[in-house]
C-alpha cells in the first residue's frame, strides 16, 4: 500500500517506496515537499482543500490528481489516517492509497487540461457553497432555536422550583416543540449530504423519494419517474454515483431548462443498466457547450462520473428541443450475465417527451 506521512502543514516527512515509485521519485527526494507541489495543473486548490480538511479531522476518501517527476498524471483515491497516537509524530497525518491509475497523454490531450481545471475549480466552489449553506442553516436557524429551548427549560426549572407546575409544563412543551424542529432540520441537512435511505433501503426507493421532493420543490415541472431495474442488479459501488448524477441533472433542469415536463428513468435493457434524465426545456447546442469556457460544472461532473465508473455518456439536446442525458453500464460488469455484448449500442428513446433529434454519439 502506498502512503505518505505529512506534518500539520502538509509537508511530506516520509514516503514509502510504493508511493515514491508511483510518482517516479526516490523516497528521500519527496521529504520536505508540500503535497500541493505534487498536484497536477488545476488540482492545487483541490489539494489545499483536502489537506485543510484532513488537518481538521476529516477522514473520508478523496481523489487527487498528482503529477510525477516525468510529467505523468496519476488519478489517486486517498484516505487519511491521523498519527496523533504516535509519540514521534503527534501532530501529523498519513495519506494512504490502494488505487491509482496513470492518465496517458494522447495527441491533442492538452485540450483536456483546461476542462479538468474548470471542473476541479467549479467542484471546489460548489463544495464550499454547500458548506456555506449548511453553516448558515446551523448558525441562523438551529443555533437560535437551541438557545431558545435552553432558556425555556431553565425558566421551567425555576418556575417548577417555585411550585408553578402549570407554567413549567407549558414552557417544557414549548421547548419540546423547538427541539422537534431541530431534529427535523438536522435530518434534512443529513439527507442533503447523503440520504440514509440509500444505505437503509437502496437506490430505487431513494430515487423515488428524491423525485417526489423535486416535484414538491419545483411544482412548475411535472416529473415522471420510471424505475424497472432490479435493485439486486445494481452494483453497490455504483448506487451513490447514480444518485449524484440524478442530483446534478435535475439541478440543471430546475436552474437552466425552463422545462415544464421531465422524466427520470432507470431501466435494464439488452444487458445494460440505463439511467436517463430528459426534459422538454429550451435545450442547447452540445457542441457549443463542450467548447464553452464555462460549460457548467453539472454537465462536466456527470460526464466525468459516468466515464470514471465504466459507463457510456450520451447527451442529446438542441435549441427549443429539450435535453436528454443518458448513462449506460453493462450489467455484465457487475458479475451478471449480459443479454448482448453490442458495445456500440446507444439507448433508444424511452419516454414521451417531445425530443425529436438524433442522439449525439460521444
Protein backbone atom coordinates (compact mmCIF):
# COMPACT_ATOMS: atom_id res chain seq x y z
CA UNK A 1 0.00 0.00 0.00
CA UNK A 2 1.33 3.43 -0.95
CA UNK A 3 1.48 6.01 1.83
CA UNK A 4 3.00 9.36 2.69
CA UNK A 5 3.39 10.81 6.17
CA UNK A 6 2.74 14.57 6.38
CA UNK A 7 3.17 17.13 9.12
CA UNK A 8 0.49 19.60 10.19
CA UNK A 9 1.45 21.96 7.35
CA UNK A 10 1.00 19.31 4.67
CA UNK A 11 4.75 18.79 4.16
CA UNK A 12 5.96 15.27 3.48
CA UNK A 13 8.01 13.79 6.32
CA UNK A 14 8.26 10.31 4.87
CA UNK A 15 7.09 8.48 1.76
CA UNK A 16 7.25 4.73 1.39
CA UNK A 17 8.73 3.04 -1.65
CA UNK A 18 5.35 2.33 -3.29
CA UNK A 19 4.27 5.97 -3.16
CA UNK A 20 7.63 7.23 -4.40
CA UNK A 21 7.70 4.72 -7.27
CA UNK A 22 4.23 5.74 -8.43
CA UNK A 23 5.42 9.34 -8.68
CA UNK A 24 8.81 8.46 -10.17
CA UNK A 25 10.94 9.60 -7.21
CA UNK A 26 13.25 8.08 -4.67
CA UNK A 27 11.60 8.19 -1.22
CA UNK A 28 14.20 10.62 0.15
CA UNK A 29 13.57 13.04 -2.73
CA UNK A 30 9.99 13.59 -1.57
CA UNK A 31 10.92 14.53 2.00
CA UNK A 32 10.16 18.18 2.71
CA UNK A 33 7.91 18.71 -0.29
CA UNK A 34 4.37 20.01 0.07
CA UNK A 35 1.50 17.87 -1.14
CA UNK A 36 0.20 20.76 -3.24
CA UNK A 37 3.55 20.86 -5.08
CA UNK A 38 2.81 17.38 -6.43
CA UNK A 39 -0.71 18.25 -7.59
CA UNK A 40 -1.39 18.25 -11.32
CA UNK A 41 -2.22 21.56 -13.05
CA UNK A 42 -5.68 22.64 -11.98
CA UNK A 43 -5.63 20.45 -8.87
CA UNK A 44 -3.62 22.63 -6.44
CA UNK A 45 -6.78 24.14 -4.97
CA UNK A 46 -8.23 20.65 -4.51
CA UNK A 47 -5.01 19.55 -2.76
CA UNK A 48 -5.12 22.58 -0.45
CA UNK A 49 -8.75 21.92 0.44
CA UNK A 50 -8.04 18.21 1.03
CA UNK A 51 -5.04 18.95 3.26
CA UNK A 52 -7.03 21.52 5.26
CA UNK A 53 -9.94 19.13 5.76
CA UNK A 54 -7.63 16.35 6.92
CA UNK A 55 -5.95 18.70 9.39
CA UNK A 56 -9.35 19.40 10.92
CA UNK A 57 -10.17 15.73 11.33
CA UNK A 58 -11.93 14.68 8.11
CA UNK A 59 -11.31 11.00 7.35
CA UNK A 60 -13.42 10.34 4.23
CA UNK A 61 -11.81 9.28 0.96
CA UNK A 62 -10.97 11.91 -1.60
CA UNK A 63 -9.47 11.97 -5.08
CA UNK A 64 -6.43 13.93 -6.24
CA UNK A 65 -4.57 14.03 -9.48
CA UNK A 66 -0.82 14.05 -8.83
CA UNK A 67 1.93 14.75 -11.34
CA UNK A 68 5.03 12.56 -11.27
CA UNK A 69 8.57 13.65 -11.97
CA UNK A 70 8.24 12.65 -15.64
CA UNK A 71 5.01 14.62 -16.02
CA UNK A 72 2.78 11.54 -15.95
CA UNK A 73 -0.58 12.21 -14.34
CA UNK A 74 -1.94 9.81 -11.73
CA UNK A 75 -5.55 9.95 -10.53
CA UNK A 76 -5.41 8.59 -6.98
CA UNK A 77 -8.05 7.85 -4.36
CA UNK A 78 -6.66 8.59 -0.89
CA UNK A 79 -7.76 8.12 2.69
CA UNK A 80 -6.36 9.99 5.71
CA UNK A 81 -5.11 8.37 8.89
CA UNK A 82 -4.17 10.59 11.88
CA UNK A 83 -0.78 10.00 13.52
CA UNK A 84 -1.74 11.60 16.84
CA UNK A 85 -1.21 8.30 18.68
CA UNK A 86 2.43 8.13 17.62
CA UNK A 87 4.83 9.74 20.06
CA UNK A 88 7.36 10.56 17.37
CA UNK A 89 4.75 12.19 15.05
CA UNK A 90 1.96 13.60 17.25
CA UNK A 91 0.86 16.46 15.02
CA UNK A 92 0.57 14.99 11.55
CA UNK A 93 -1.41 12.62 9.40
CA UNK A 94 -0.80 9.84 6.93
CA UNK A 95 -2.30 9.55 3.48
CA UNK A 96 -2.75 6.04 2.14
CA UNK A 97 -3.97 4.90 -1.24
CA UNK A 98 -4.70 1.49 -2.62
CA UNK A 99 -5.80 2.53 -6.10
CA UNK A 100 -4.41 4.84 -8.71
CA UNK A 101 -4.29 4.93 -12.45
CA UNK A 102 -1.99 6.82 -14.78
CA UNK A 103 -3.57 9.03 -17.41
CA UNK A 104 -1.73 8.57 -20.66
CA UNK A 105 -1.12 11.69 -22.68
CA UNK A 106 -2.72 11.37 -26.09
CA UNK A 107 -2.33 13.62 -29.12
CA UNK A 108 -4.49 16.64 -28.52
CA UNK A 109 -4.83 15.84 -24.82
CA UNK A 110 -3.62 19.32 -23.93
CA UNK A 111 -7.17 20.44 -24.69
CA UNK A 112 -8.39 18.25 -21.82
CA UNK A 113 -6.41 20.09 -19.15
CA UNK A 114 -8.48 23.31 -19.27
CA UNK A 115 -11.62 21.19 -18.81
CA UNK A 116 -10.06 19.46 -15.82
CA UNK A 117 -9.01 22.83 -14.43
CA UNK A 118 -12.51 24.24 -14.74
CA UNK A 119 -14.09 21.09 -13.34
CA UNK A 120 -11.76 20.99 -10.32
CA UNK A 121 -12.27 24.67 -9.51
CA UNK A 122 -16.03 24.50 -10.06
CA UNK A 123 -16.34 21.43 -7.86
CA UNK A 124 -14.38 23.16 -5.10
CA UNK A 125 -16.57 26.25 -5.35
CA UNK A 126 -19.73 24.16 -5.31
CA UNK A 127 -18.50 22.21 -2.29
CA UNK A 128 -17.72 25.47 -0.49
CA UNK A 129 -21.19 26.73 -1.42
CA UNK A 130 -22.72 23.60 0.10
CA UNK A 131 -20.70 24.09 3.27
CA UNK A 132 -21.75 27.74 3.44
CA UNK A 133 -25.39 26.69 3.14
CA UNK A 134 -25.02 24.13 5.94
CA UNK A 135 -23.19 26.69 8.11
CA UNK A 136 -25.97 29.26 7.58
CA UNK A 137 -28.67 26.75 8.45
CA UNK A 138 -26.81 25.74 11.61
CA UNK A 139 -25.99 29.32 12.64
CA UNK A 140 -29.13 31.19 11.56
CA UNK A 141 -31.79 28.59 12.34
CA UNK A 142 -30.68 25.77 14.59
CA UNK A 143 -28.43 27.73 16.96
CA UNK A 144 -31.12 30.30 17.93
CA UNK A 145 -33.73 27.55 18.25
CA UNK A 146 -31.48 25.52 20.55
CA UNK A 147 -30.70 28.65 22.60
CA UNK A 148 -34.41 29.37 22.97
CA UNK A 149 -35.08 25.76 24.04
CA UNK A 150 -32.31 26.10 26.62
CA UNK A 151 -33.85 29.29 28.08
CA UNK A 152 -37.30 27.70 28.13
CA UNK A 153 -36.01 24.67 30.04
CA UNK A 154 -34.14 26.90 32.53
CA UNK A 155 -37.23 29.07 33.03
CA UNK A 156 -39.36 25.95 33.50
CA UNK A 157 -36.93 24.64 36.10
CA UNK A 158 -37.09 27.90 38.05
CA UNK A 159 -40.89 28.04 37.94
CA UNK A 160 -41.13 24.39 38.89
CA UNK A 161 -38.90 25.08 41.87
CA UNK A 162 -41.31 27.83 42.97
CA UNK A 163 -44.24 25.45 42.63
CA UNK A 164 -45.65 26.90 39.38
CA UNK A 165 -46.08 23.48 37.81
CA UNK A 166 -48.62 24.58 35.21
CA UNK A 167 -46.36 27.29 33.80
CA UNK A 168 -43.38 24.93 33.96
CA UNK A 169 -45.22 22.27 31.94
CA UNK A 170 -46.25 24.84 29.33
CA UNK A 171 -42.66 26.04 28.95
CA UNK A 172 -41.37 22.47 28.66
CA UNK A 173 -43.94 21.83 25.93
CA UNK A 174 -42.64 24.85 24.01
CA UNK A 175 -39.06 23.62 24.45
CA UNK A 176 -40.02 20.16 23.19
CA UNK A 177 -41.62 21.69 20.08
CA UNK A 178 -38.43 23.67 19.41
CA UNK A 179 -36.31 20.55 19.79
CA UNK A 180 -38.57 18.62 17.39
CA UNK A 181 -37.89 21.35 14.83
CA UNK A 182 -34.15 20.99 15.44
CA UNK A 183 -34.31 17.21 14.97
CA UNK A 184 -36.27 17.59 11.72
CA UNK A 185 -33.87 20.20 10.36
CA UNK A 186 -30.83 18.10 11.26
CA UNK A 187 -32.45 15.18 9.42
CA UNK A 188 -32.94 17.43 6.37
CA UNK A 189 -29.32 18.56 6.45
CA UNK A 190 -28.12 14.97 6.81
CA UNK A 191 -30.29 13.82 3.91
CA UNK A 192 -28.98 16.63 1.74
CA UNK A 193 -25.41 15.44 2.39
CA UNK A 194 -26.18 11.73 1.97
CA UNK A 195 -29.67 10.23 2.24
CA UNK A 196 -29.98 7.49 4.83
CA UNK A 197 -32.46 5.80 2.51
CA UNK A 198 -29.59 4.97 0.17
CA UNK A 199 -27.98 2.80 2.84
CA UNK A 200 -31.15 1.55 4.52
CA UNK A 201 -33.47 0.77 1.58
CA UNK A 202 -31.40 1.06 -1.59
CA UNK A 203 -31.17 3.20 -4.70
CA UNK A 204 -34.66 2.82 -6.18
CA UNK A 205 -36.58 3.98 -3.07
CA UNK A 206 -34.07 6.82 -2.72
CA UNK A 207 -34.65 7.97 -6.31
CA UNK A 208 -38.41 7.77 -5.79
CA UNK A 209 -38.09 9.85 -2.62
CA UNK A 210 -35.82 12.37 -4.34
CA UNK A 211 -38.17 12.64 -7.31
CA UNK A 212 -41.11 13.41 -5.01
CA UNK A 213 -39.03 16.03 -3.23
CA UNK A 214 -38.04 17.61 -6.55
CA UNK A 215 -41.70 17.76 -7.60
CA UNK A 216 -42.65 19.47 -4.33
CA UNK A 217 -39.78 21.97 -4.58
CA UNK A 218 -40.46 22.72 -8.27
CA UNK A 219 -44.24 22.45 -8.83
CA UNK A 220 -43.93 24.09 -12.27
CA UNK A 221 -42.08 21.00 -13.53
CA UNK A 222 -44.08 17.79 -13.82
CA UNK A 223 -41.69 14.87 -13.33
CA UNK A 224 -42.42 11.32 -14.43
CA UNK A 225 -40.50 8.53 -12.71
CA UNK A 226 -39.97 5.09 -14.27
CA UNK A 227 -37.89 2.52 -12.37
CA UNK A 228 -37.96 -1.04 -13.72
CA UNK A 229 -34.38 -2.06 -12.89
CA UNK A 230 -33.91 -4.68 -10.19
CA UNK A 231 -32.23 -3.35 -7.05
CA UNK A 232 -30.11 -6.51 -6.73
CA UNK A 233 -28.69 -5.98 -10.23
CA UNK A 234 -27.29 -2.54 -9.41
CA UNK A 235 -23.68 -2.72 -8.17
CA UNK A 236 -23.34 -1.32 -4.66
CA UNK A 237 -20.40 0.86 -5.71
CA UNK A 238 -22.48 2.43 -8.46
CA UNK A 239 -25.52 3.45 -6.42
CA UNK A 240 -24.14 6.63 -4.91
CA UNK A 241 -22.75 7.71 -8.30
CA UNK A 242 -26.14 7.25 -9.96
CA UNK A 243 -27.77 9.24 -7.18
CA UNK A 244 -25.26 12.11 -7.59
CA UNK A 245 -25.79 12.08 -11.37
CA UNK A 246 -29.54 12.43 -10.83
CA UNK A 247 -28.95 15.28 -8.37
CA UNK A 248 -26.77 17.17 -10.86
CA UNK A 249 -29.05 16.52 -13.83
CA UNK A 250 -32.26 17.56 -12.06
CA UNK A 251 -30.50 20.63 -10.66
CA UNK A 252 -29.73 21.61 -14.25
CA UNK A 253 -33.38 21.06 -15.19
CA UNK A 254 -34.52 23.33 -12.35
CA UNK A 255 -31.93 26.08 -12.90
CA UNK A 256 -31.49 26.30 -16.65
CA UNK A 257 -34.01 24.37 -18.75
CA UNK A 258 -37.28 26.32 -18.29
CA UNK A 259 -38.92 22.90 -18.69
CA UNK A 260 -42.49 22.05 -17.78
CA UNK A 261 -42.00 18.28 -18.03
CA UNK A 262 -39.15 16.00 -17.03
CA UNK A 263 -38.63 12.26 -16.96
CA UNK A 264 -36.32 10.20 -14.75
CA UNK A 265 -35.87 6.54 -15.58
CA UNK A 266 -33.62 3.68 -14.51
CA UNK A 267 -34.20 0.52 -16.54
CA UNK A 268 -32.50 -2.67 -17.66
CA UNK A 269 -32.41 -3.27 -21.42
CA UNK A 270 -30.24 -5.51 -23.58
CA UNK A 271 -27.82 -6.33 -20.77
CA UNK A 272 -27.38 -2.70 -19.76
CA UNK A 273 -28.41 -0.60 -16.81
CA UNK A 274 -29.63 2.70 -18.28
CA UNK A 275 -30.22 5.93 -16.45
CA UNK A 276 -31.96 8.71 -18.37
CA UNK A 277 -32.94 12.25 -17.37
CA UNK A 278 -34.83 14.18 -20.03
CA UNK A 279 -36.82 17.40 -20.21
CA UNK A 280 -38.81 19.46 -22.69
CA UNK A 281 -36.98 22.70 -21.91
CA UNK A 282 -35.13 25.24 -24.02
CA UNK A 283 -32.20 22.90 -24.78
CA UNK A 284 -28.81 23.97 -26.12
CA UNK A 285 -26.18 23.08 -28.69
CA UNK A 286 -23.99 20.31 -27.16
CA UNK A 287 -21.03 21.21 -29.40
CA UNK A 288 -21.06 24.81 -28.19
CA UNK A 289 -21.37 23.68 -24.58
CA UNK A 290 -18.28 21.45 -24.88
CA UNK A 291 -16.24 24.29 -26.40
CA UNK A 292 -17.50 26.88 -23.95
CA UNK A 293 -15.14 28.36 -21.37
CA UNK A 294 -17.80 27.63 -18.76
CA UNK A 295 -19.74 24.54 -19.83
CA UNK A 296 -21.28 24.08 -16.42
CA UNK A 297 -19.97 22.01 -13.56
CA UNK A 298 -23.10 19.84 -13.51
CA UNK A 299 -22.71 18.58 -17.07
CA UNK A 300 -18.95 18.08 -16.76
CA UNK A 301 -19.37 16.31 -13.43
CA UNK A 302 -22.00 13.96 -14.89
CA UNK A 303 -19.81 13.14 -17.88
CA UNK A 304 -16.71 12.51 -15.75
CA UNK A 305 -18.61 10.46 -13.18
CA UNK A 306 -20.16 8.20 -15.82
CA UNK A 307 -16.80 7.71 -17.53
CA UNK A 308 -15.00 7.01 -14.26
CA UNK A 309 -17.48 4.24 -13.40
CA UNK A 310 -17.06 2.48 -16.74
CA UNK A 311 -20.30 3.73 -18.28
CA UNK A 312 -21.18 5.41 -21.57
CA UNK A 313 -22.30 9.01 -21.58
CA UNK A 314 -24.90 10.13 -24.12
CA UNK A 315 -26.10 13.70 -24.48
CA UNK A 316 -28.78 14.82 -26.89
CA UNK A 317 -30.06 18.35 -27.00
CA UNK A 318 -30.87 21.16 -29.41
CA UNK A 319 -32.29 24.66 -29.01
CA UNK A 320 -36.00 24.52 -28.17
CA UNK A 321 -35.99 20.70 -28.31
CA UNK A 322 -35.21 19.77 -24.73
CA UNK A 323 -32.31 17.79 -23.33
CA UNK A 324 -31.69 14.12 -22.65
CA UNK A 325 -28.78 12.73 -20.64
CA UNK A 326 -28.11 9.01 -20.53
CA UNK A 327 -25.64 6.91 -18.58
CA UNK A 328 -25.39 3.23 -19.56
CA UNK A 329 -23.44 0.50 -17.76
CA UNK A 330 -23.15 -3.14 -18.81
CA UNK A 331 -24.75 -5.43 -16.25
CA UNK A 332 -22.05 -7.97 -17.06
CA UNK A 333 -19.58 -5.67 -15.30
CA UNK A 334 -21.43 -6.37 -12.07
CA UNK A 335 -20.86 -10.11 -12.47
CA UNK A 336 -24.27 -10.76 -14.01
CA UNK A 337 -24.92 -12.24 -17.45
CA UNK A 338 -25.36 -9.67 -20.20
CA UNK A 339 -28.02 -10.23 -22.86
CA UNK A 340 -25.90 -8.89 -25.66
CA UNK A 341 -22.43 -7.51 -25.99
CA UNK A 342 -23.03 -4.75 -28.52
CA UNK A 343 -20.78 -2.07 -27.03
CA UNK A 344 -21.70 0.35 -29.80
CA UNK A 345 -25.39 0.38 -28.88
CA UNK A 346 -26.81 3.70 -27.77
CA UNK A 347 -30.11 3.80 -25.89
CA UNK A 348 -33.26 4.48 -27.82
CA UNK A 349 -35.78 6.99 -26.57
CA UNK A 350 -37.67 5.61 -23.60
CA UNK A 351 -40.38 8.08 -22.98
CA UNK A 352 -42.91 10.53 -24.25
CA UNK A 353 -41.26 13.93 -24.14
CA UNK A 354 -41.08 15.98 -27.34
CA UNK A 355 -37.41 15.40 -28.06
CA UNK A 356 -37.13 14.64 -31.75
CA UNK A 357 -33.47 14.98 -32.69
CA UNK A 358 -30.94 12.21 -33.09
CA UNK A 359 -28.61 11.02 -30.37
CA UNK A 360 -25.17 12.52 -30.41
CA UNK A 361 -22.72 9.64 -30.15
CA UNK A 362 -19.86 10.60 -27.87
